[in-house]
Amino acid sequence: MKENFGLYLILTKPVAGYEECARAAVDCGVRYLQLRIKNTPPDVVLETAYAIRAITRGTATRFIVNDDLAVAIEADADGIHLGQGDMPIEDARKQWDIPGKLFGLSTHSAEQALYALECSPDYIGVGPVFPTPTKADTAPALGSEETGLIVKASPLTAVAIGGIDATNLPALLDAGIGNFCVVRAVNAAADPAAAIHILQKIWSDHVF
């Protein structure tokens, strides 16, 4: 069954700090919170994951680890998000065979979204919608119209990602996209709770 939860937040070098952003996400009722740290010593990544797990445990916020299955397992995260070039979901499930764990998959085209059905992820990311500097190896931007078509056509829960902020979010929602992921729109904010509230207000005004 497709979920419609709105904001999915990725934490990457947040100005306010990882723990402060995680607390803001929990306080604001963000459904998904993903930790994405690149080019950082493994012990620092794991320490950060432990801290976020402690903040999110027992809340409605699902803690997802990006790419690193070992960290997800060690921190007892709620799930892992994998890219097209990462470990196949079926292999990750074999290594982390615990009921209730969530497996997300990035897709960058209608073809990849269709192929994702074969490995049955719990949700897919679709994008990038717009050009974004947060990842160096991004696929070409899809645009809001193409992203909307992919999201609406997929029977899986789908989350639009890539360059999304408060200025372009209304157009995405108008295109039929119910779930969206942000990075800079919150990570660059000194007050992450305020930034989250702005995005949630835009979403609720369009959806309800």
Foldseek 3Di string as FASTA:
>chain_A
DADQQAEAEEEEQFPQDLLLLLLLCQVVVPQEYEYDYPPDDPVVSLVSLLSSLVNCPPTNYFYEYEQDLVSCVVSVGLEYEYEPPGDDPVVSCVVVVDPRRFYEYEDEALVRLVVVVVVDGQEYEYFQQQADPPDPDDDDHDHLQRSLVSCVPHPHHYEHEHPDALVCVLVNVVSVHRYYYDYCQQRVDNNNNVSVVSSVVSNVVSPD
